Amino acid sequence: MKIVVFGATGGTGRQVVMQALEFGHEVTAIVRNPEAVDIRHEQLEVVQGDVLNLSSFSPWIIGKDAVLSALGVNHRKPTTVYSEGTENIVKAMEGAGVRRLIGLSSAGLVVPSDTPLLQRLVIRFVIQPMYKYAYEDMARMEDMVRKSGLDWTVIRPPRLTNGSKTGTYRTALNKPLLKAQGISRADLADYMMKSIPNSSSFQAVVEISN
């Protein structure tokens, strides 16, 4: 399978690229700074492109089978990377006739009612205000993706760790996942890989946790 990865220089994106190659996929990583990608593989092509500039990457979407987005920001300032970047990805996919899109959001957008009171208060009054702009843009991104005609999956992971891949995690489609605490980036990437052909996750928001 031929897949495109955005956000390949981040912790999760790097795991996505490595595991996609392990699965035997042909991978095109679209990044602003190709030199930041330290993975070398005969089935990996690293190209320069800016997700906020549609024309800089749209030709690389043609002929691919799926697009996986691990876009993220490392600051707390206002951003449009999630919404505008994903909107450009959707436009490129529609133009190229590519239907499968998997992207990341955050479990922090919604606090399940079963969340322990202290944890719920921390999320609502500390975490959500701290990442206010990122969460607002993720919400815009989710709304835009829902309105697309693609075979999309939006994954909302909780706290991410650098733990190893276990292949053991829980998921919930279009509903809150009870007692979601965290998941390793490796396991998150594992789920993304396995979701590519899984039609049950099409047009679904997936919550996940170890």
Foldseek 3Di string as FASTA:
>chain_A
DEEEEEPCLDPLNVLLVVVCVVVVYQYEYEDQDQVSNPDDDPSYHYDYDDLLDLVRCLVVLAPGAAYEYEDDDDDQDADQCLANSVVSVLVSCVVRVHFHYEYEAAPLLDDDPQPPPVVVCCSVPPVCVSNVNSNVNSVNNVVVVLPGPGQYEYEHEYAEDQDAADLDKDKDKPDDDPPADGYYSNPVSVVVVVCRPPSVRGSTYMYMHD
